């Protein structure tokens, strides 16, 4: 399984969440965050804003679905045309284990569960 974390513009967060829902991934965690990218914030006159508001969207998916989910996020998070600085970043990390709190049960990746049955 993979954890995909997307840092996107607040105005695009709902579009990305709807895109993920439409693609069959309804389970998303949304967290308001602040930060800055390579451009080190935004300068307006003499004032530098180095903590820009963003939204972090987190989704856990089977390894095989990575490219499909990345495409859904990118399509919905990117600004019109060729995109703009500040559209965001996507981070992909391996998830070693997942547990459901209410049952205490360890979840298995669908591909892993199928291979166990074979």
N, C-alpha and C. Protein backbone atom coordinates (compact mmCIF):
# COMPACT_ATOMS: atom_id res chain seq x y z
N UNK A 1 0.84 -1.18 0.00
CA UNK A 1 0.00 0.00 0.00
C UNK A 1 0.88 1.24 0.00
N UNK A 2 0.31 2.31 -0.51
CA UNK A 2 1.02 3.58 -0.58
C UNK A 2 0.20 4.69 0.05
N UNK A 3 0.88 5.60 0.73
CA UNK A 3 0.24 6.81 1.23
C UNK A 3 0.62 7.93 0.28
N UNK A 4 -0.39 8.58 -0.27
CA UNK A 4 -0.16 9.70 -1.17
C UNK A 4 -0.64 10.96 -0.46
N UNK A 5 0.30 11.90 -0.29
CA UNK A 5 0.00 13.18 0.35
C UNK A 5 0.14 14.27 -0.70
N UNK A 6 -0.91 15.01 -0.92
CA UNK A 6 -0.90 16.09 -1.90
C UNK A 6 -1.08 17.42 -1.17
N UNK A 7 -0.15 18.34 -1.39
CA UNK A 7 -0.26 19.69 -0.85
C UNK A 7 -0.78 20.55 -2.00
N UNK A 8 -1.98 21.10 -1.86
CA UNK A 8 -2.62 21.83 -2.96
C UNK A 8 -3.13 23.19 -2.49
N UNK A 9 -3.43 24.04 -3.47
CA UNK A 9 -4.05 25.32 -3.17
C UNK A 9 -5.41 25.09 -2.50
N UNK A 10 -5.77 25.91 -1.50
CA UNK A 10 -7.07 25.73 -0.85
C UNK A 10 -8.24 25.78 -1.84
N UNK A 11 -8.13 26.62 -2.84
CA UNK A 11 -9.21 26.75 -3.83
C UNK A 11 -9.37 25.49 -4.69
N UNK A 12 -8.36 24.63 -4.72
CA UNK A 12 -8.39 23.41 -5.53
C UNK A 12 -8.69 22.15 -4.72
N UNK A 13 -8.69 22.25 -3.40
CA UNK A 13 -8.83 21.07 -2.55
C UNK A 13 -10.15 20.33 -2.80
N UNK A 14 -11.24 21.07 -2.91
CA UNK A 14 -12.54 20.41 -3.13
C UNK A 14 -12.59 19.75 -4.50
N UNK A 15 -11.98 20.39 -5.51
CA UNK A 15 -11.92 19.78 -6.84
C UNK A 15 -11.16 18.46 -6.81
N UNK A 16 -10.04 18.44 -6.08
CA UNK A 16 -9.24 17.21 -5.97
C UNK A 16 -10.03 16.14 -5.23
N UNK A 17 -10.69 16.52 -4.13
CA UNK A 17 -11.48 15.54 -3.38
C UNK A 17 -12.60 14.96 -4.23
N UNK A 18 -13.26 15.81 -5.03
CA UNK A 18 -14.33 15.32 -5.91
C UNK A 18 -13.74 14.42 -7.00
N UNK A 19 -12.57 14.79 -7.53
CA UNK A 19 -11.92 13.96 -8.53
C UNK A 19 -11.56 12.59 -7.99
N UNK A 20 -11.09 12.53 -6.75
CA UNK A 20 -10.77 11.25 -6.12
C UNK A 20 -12.05 10.44 -5.89
N UNK A 21 -13.11 11.10 -5.45
CA UNK A 21 -14.38 10.41 -5.25
C UNK A 21 -14.89 9.84 -6.56
N UNK A 22 -14.85 10.65 -7.61
CA UNK A 22 -15.30 10.19 -8.93
C UNK A 22 -14.45 9.03 -9.44
N UNK A 23 -13.18 8.99 -9.05
CA UNK A 23 -12.27 7.93 -9.48
C UNK A 23 -12.39 6.67 -8.62
N UNK A 24 -13.25 6.73 -7.58
CA UNK A 24 -13.46 5.56 -6.73
C UNK A 24 -12.66 5.55 -5.45
N UNK A 25 -12.16 6.70 -5.03
CA UNK A 25 -11.38 6.80 -3.80
C UNK A 25 -12.04 7.82 -2.87
N UNK A 26 -13.09 7.40 -2.16
CA UNK A 26 -13.83 8.33 -1.31
C UNK A 26 -13.12 8.67 0.01
N UNK A 27 -12.23 7.81 0.47
CA UNK A 27 -11.58 8.01 1.77
C UNK A 27 -10.38 8.93 1.64
N UNK A 28 -10.55 10.17 2.10
CA UNK A 28 -9.50 11.18 2.02
C UNK A 28 -9.46 11.94 3.34
N UNK A 29 -8.27 12.23 3.82
CA UNK A 29 -8.10 13.08 4.99
C UNK A 29 -7.63 14.44 4.49
N UNK A 30 -8.31 15.52 4.95
CA UNK A 30 -7.95 16.88 4.55
C UNK A 30 -7.48 17.65 5.77
N UNK A 31 -6.29 18.24 5.65
CA UNK A 31 -5.67 18.95 6.77
C UNK A 31 -5.23 20.33 6.29
N UNK A 32 -5.67 21.40 6.97
CA UNK A 32 -5.16 22.73 6.60
C UNK A 32 -3.70 22.86 7.07
N UNK A 33 -2.84 23.32 6.18
CA UNK A 33 -1.42 23.49 6.51
C UNK A 33 -0.95 24.84 5.99
N UNK A 34 0.22 25.26 6.44
CA UNK A 34 0.87 26.46 5.90
C UNK A 34 2.31 26.10 5.59
N UNK A 35 2.88 26.81 4.64
CA UNK A 35 4.28 26.54 4.30
C UNK A 35 4.71 27.38 3.12
N UNK A 36 5.87 27.03 2.62
CA UNK A 36 6.40 27.73 1.47
C UNK A 36 7.18 26.75 0.62
N UNK A 37 7.30 27.07 -0.65
CA UNK A 37 8.03 26.22 -1.58
C UNK A 37 9.38 26.80 -1.91
N UNK A 38 9.91 26.40 -3.06
CA UNK A 38 11.23 26.85 -3.49
C UNK A 38 11.31 28.36 -3.64
N UNK A 39 10.18 28.99 -3.96
CA UNK A 39 10.19 30.43 -4.16
C UNK A 39 10.27 31.19 -2.84
N UNK A 40 10.28 30.48 -1.72
CA UNK A 40 10.43 31.05 -0.37
C UNK A 40 9.33 32.03 0.00
N UNK A 41 8.14 31.72 -0.38
CA UNK A 41 7.01 32.56 -0.01
C UNK A 41 6.62 33.51 -1.12
N UNK A 42 5.93 34.56 -0.73
CA UNK A 42 5.38 35.52 -1.68
C UNK A 42 5.72 36.92 -1.19
N UNK A 43 6.28 37.76 -2.06
CA UNK A 43 6.63 39.12 -1.67
C UNK A 43 5.65 40.09 -2.32
N UNK A 44 5.01 40.90 -1.48
CA UNK A 44 4.09 41.93 -1.94
C UNK A 44 4.60 43.26 -1.38
N UNK A 45 5.17 44.07 -2.26
CA UNK A 45 5.82 45.30 -1.81
C UNK A 45 7.02 44.94 -0.96
N UNK A 46 7.08 45.46 0.25
CA UNK A 46 8.18 45.16 1.16
C UNK A 46 7.86 44.00 2.12
N UNK A 47 6.67 43.45 2.01
CA UNK A 47 6.24 42.40 2.93
C UNK A 47 6.42 41.03 2.28
N UNK A 48 7.05 40.11 3.02
CA UNK A 48 7.23 38.74 2.55
C UNK A 48 6.31 37.83 3.36
N UNK A 49 5.46 37.09 2.66
CA UNK A 49 4.58 36.11 3.28
C UNK A 49 5.22 34.75 3.07
N UNK A 50 5.80 34.20 4.14
CA UNK A 50 6.50 32.92 3.98
C UNK A 50 5.71 31.74 4.55
N UNK A 51 4.50 32.00 5.00
CA UNK A 51 3.62 30.93 5.44
C UNK A 51 2.32 31.05 4.66
N UNK A 52 2.28 30.37 3.52
CA UNK A 52 1.12 30.45 2.64
C UNK A 52 0.15 29.31 2.97
N UNK A 53 -1.15 29.60 2.99
CA UNK A 53 -2.12 28.55 3.30
C UNK A 53 -2.23 27.53 2.16
N UNK A 54 -2.28 26.28 2.53
CA UNK A 54 -2.46 25.16 1.60
C UNK A 54 -3.36 24.13 2.29
N UNK A 55 -3.74 23.12 1.54
CA UNK A 55 -4.47 21.98 2.10
C UNK A 55 -3.67 20.73 1.80
N UNK A 56 -3.55 19.85 2.79
CA UNK A 56 -2.89 18.57 2.55
C UNK A 56 -3.98 17.50 2.51
N UNK A 57 -4.01 16.76 1.40
CA UNK A 57 -4.95 15.67 1.23
C UNK A 57 -4.18 14.36 1.29
N UNK A 58 -4.66 13.43 2.10
CA UNK A 58 -3.96 12.17 2.32
C UNK A 58 -4.89 11.03 1.94
N UNK A 59 -4.37 10.11 1.13
CA UNK A 59 -5.13 8.94 0.71
C UNK A 59 -4.18 7.74 0.70
N UNK A 60 -4.69 6.58 1.11
CA UNK A 60 -3.90 5.35 1.09
C UNK A 60 -4.53 4.43 0.04
N UNK A 61 -3.69 3.95 -0.87
CA UNK A 61 -4.18 3.15 -2.01
C UNK A 61 -3.28 1.94 -2.24
N UNK A 62 -3.80 0.93 -2.94
CA UNK A 62 -2.95 -0.19 -3.34
C UNK A 62 -1.85 0.29 -4.29
N UNK A 63 -0.70 -0.34 -4.25
CA UNK A 63 0.43 0.04 -5.11
C UNK A 63 0.02 0.15 -6.58
N UNK A 64 -0.80 -0.76 -7.03
CA UNK A 64 -1.17 -0.82 -8.44
C UNK A 64 -2.00 0.40 -8.88
N UNK A 65 -2.59 1.11 -7.93
CA UNK A 65 -3.45 2.26 -8.26
C UNK A 65 -2.70 3.59 -8.23
N UNK A 66 -1.42 3.57 -7.94
CA UNK A 66 -0.65 4.82 -7.76
C UNK A 66 -0.80 5.78 -8.94
N UNK A 67 -0.49 5.35 -10.14
CA UNK A 67 -0.51 6.26 -11.29
C UNK A 67 -1.91 6.82 -11.55
N UNK A 68 -2.92 6.00 -11.39
CA UNK A 68 -4.30 6.42 -11.58
C UNK A 68 -4.67 7.54 -10.60
N UNK A 69 -4.29 7.37 -9.33
CA UNK A 69 -4.59 8.36 -8.30
C UNK A 69 -3.76 9.63 -8.51
N UNK A 70 -2.49 9.48 -8.87
CA UNK A 70 -1.66 10.66 -9.14
C UNK A 70 -2.24 11.48 -10.29
N UNK A 71 -2.72 10.81 -11.33
CA UNK A 71 -3.34 11.51 -12.45
C UNK A 71 -4.60 12.26 -12.00
N UNK A 72 -5.42 11.63 -11.17
CA UNK A 72 -6.65 12.27 -10.68
C UNK A 72 -6.33 13.52 -9.86
N UNK A 73 -5.30 13.44 -9.03
CA UNK A 73 -4.90 14.59 -8.21
C UNK A 73 -4.35 15.70 -9.10
N UNK A 74 -3.42 15.35 -9.97
CA UNK A 74 -2.77 16.36 -10.82
C UNK A 74 -3.78 17.06 -11.72
N UNK A 75 -4.66 16.30 -12.32
CA UNK A 75 -5.67 16.88 -13.22
C UNK A 75 -6.52 17.93 -12.50
N UNK A 76 -6.87 17.66 -11.24
CA UNK A 76 -7.76 18.55 -10.51
C UNK A 76 -7.06 19.63 -9.71
N UNK A 77 -5.76 19.48 -9.45
CA UNK A 77 -5.04 20.47 -8.64
C UNK A 77 -4.30 21.50 -9.48
N UNK A 78 -4.01 21.15 -10.72
CA UNK A 78 -3.20 22.02 -11.58
C UNK A 78 -3.99 23.24 -12.04
N UNK A 79 -3.34 24.41 -12.00
CA UNK A 79 -3.95 25.63 -12.52
C UNK A 79 -4.11 25.52 -14.03
N UNK A 80 -4.99 26.35 -14.57
CA UNK A 80 -5.26 26.33 -16.01
C UNK A 80 -3.98 26.48 -16.83
N UNK A 81 -4.01 25.92 -18.02
CA UNK A 81 -2.85 25.98 -18.91
C UNK A 81 -1.78 25.03 -18.46
N UNK A 82 -0.55 25.53 -18.38
CA UNK A 82 0.59 24.71 -17.98
C UNK A 82 0.80 24.67 -16.47
N UNK A 83 -0.13 25.22 -15.70
CA UNK A 83 0.03 25.27 -14.26
C UNK A 83 0.83 26.48 -13.84
N UNK A 84 0.94 26.68 -12.52
CA UNK A 84 1.64 27.84 -11.97
C UNK A 84 2.47 27.42 -10.77
N UNK A 85 3.46 28.25 -10.44
CA UNK A 85 4.19 28.05 -9.20
C UNK A 85 3.17 28.09 -8.06
N UNK A 86 3.33 27.20 -7.09
CA UNK A 86 2.42 27.17 -5.96
C UNK A 86 1.25 26.22 -6.12
N UNK A 87 1.18 25.51 -7.26
CA UNK A 87 0.10 24.55 -7.43
C UNK A 87 0.22 23.40 -6.43
N UNK A 88 1.41 23.12 -5.96
CA UNK A 88 1.57 22.12 -4.91
C UNK A 88 2.56 21.02 -5.23
N UNK A 89 2.59 20.04 -4.37
CA UNK A 89 3.48 18.88 -4.47
C UNK A 89 2.70 17.63 -4.08
N UNK A 90 3.19 16.49 -4.58
CA UNK A 90 2.64 15.19 -4.21
C UNK A 90 3.78 14.33 -3.68
N UNK A 91 3.55 13.73 -2.53
CA UNK A 91 4.54 12.85 -1.91
C UNK A 91 3.97 11.44 -1.81
N UNK A 92 4.75 10.45 -2.18
CA UNK A 92 4.32 9.05 -2.14
C UNK A 92 5.23 8.29 -1.20
N UNK A 93 4.63 7.59 -0.23
CA UNK A 93 5.39 6.81 0.76
C UNK A 93 4.80 5.42 0.88
N UNK A 94 5.65 4.47 1.17
CA UNK A 94 5.22 3.09 1.40
C UNK A 94 4.55 3.00 2.77
N UNK A 95 3.42 2.28 2.83
CA UNK A 95 2.72 2.03 4.09
C UNK A 95 2.99 0.58 4.46
N UNK A 96 3.57 0.38 5.62
CA UNK A 96 3.92 -0.98 6.03
C UNK A 96 2.74 -1.76 6.58
N UNK A 97 1.92 -1.10 7.40
CA UNK A 97 0.79 -1.79 8.01
C UNK A 97 -0.36 -0.81 8.21
N UNK A 98 -1.60 -1.33 8.18
CA UNK A 98 -2.79 -0.54 8.43
C UNK A 98 -3.68 -1.34 9.37
N UNK A 99 -4.19 -0.67 10.42
CA UNK A 99 -5.08 -1.29 11.38
C UNK A 99 -6.35 -0.47 11.51
N UNK A 100 -7.48 -1.14 11.65
CA UNK A 100 -8.74 -0.48 11.93
C UNK A 100 -8.89 -0.40 13.44
N UNK A 101 -9.06 0.81 13.94
CA UNK A 101 -9.10 1.02 15.39
C UNK A 101 -10.28 0.30 16.03
N UNK A 102 -11.47 0.42 15.43
CA UNK A 102 -12.67 -0.15 16.08
C UNK A 102 -12.59 -1.66 16.24
N UNK A 103 -12.02 -2.35 15.26
CA UNK A 103 -11.95 -3.82 15.33
C UNK A 103 -10.59 -4.32 15.81
N UNK A 104 -9.57 -3.48 15.68
CA UNK A 104 -8.23 -3.90 16.03
C UNK A 104 -7.60 -4.80 14.98
N UNK A 105 -8.29 -4.99 13.87
CA UNK A 105 -7.81 -5.90 12.83
C UNK A 105 -6.83 -5.21 11.89
N UNK A 106 -5.84 -5.99 11.47
CA UNK A 106 -4.89 -5.52 10.47
C UNK A 106 -5.53 -5.67 9.10
N UNK A 107 -5.45 -4.61 8.29
CA UNK A 107 -6.00 -4.65 6.94
C UNK A 107 -4.95 -5.18 5.98
N UNK A 108 -5.42 -5.87 4.97
CA UNK A 108 -4.53 -6.39 3.93
C UNK A 108 -4.80 -5.66 2.64
N UNK A 109 -3.76 -5.41 1.86
CA UNK A 109 -3.92 -4.81 0.54
C UNK A 109 -4.69 -5.79 -0.33
N UNK A 110 -5.65 -5.33 -1.14
CA UNK A 110 -6.45 -6.26 -1.95
C UNK A 110 -5.61 -7.23 -2.77
N UNK A 111 -4.55 -6.76 -3.39
CA UNK A 111 -3.71 -7.66 -4.20
C UNK A 111 -3.05 -8.71 -3.33
N UNK A 112 -2.68 -8.31 -2.11
CA UNK A 112 -2.04 -9.26 -1.19
C UNK A 112 -3.08 -10.30 -0.73
N UNK A 113 -4.31 -9.86 -0.47
CA UNK A 113 -5.34 -10.79 -0.01
C UNK A 113 -5.66 -11.81 -1.11
N UNK A 114 -5.71 -11.36 -2.35
CA UNK A 114 -5.99 -12.28 -3.46
C UNK A 114 -4.89 -13.32 -3.60
N UNK A 115 -3.64 -12.91 -3.44
CA UNK A 115 -2.55 -13.87 -3.61
C UNK A 115 -2.53 -14.91 -2.49
N UNK A 116 -3.05 -14.55 -1.31
CA UNK A 116 -3.11 -15.50 -0.22
C UNK A 116 -4.16 -16.57 -0.46
N UNK A 117 -5.25 -16.18 -1.17
CA UNK A 117 -6.33 -17.13 -1.45
C UNK A 117 -5.96 -18.11 -2.56
N UNK A 118 -5.05 -17.72 -3.42
CA UNK A 118 -4.71 -18.56 -4.57
C UNK A 118 -3.94 -19.79 -4.19
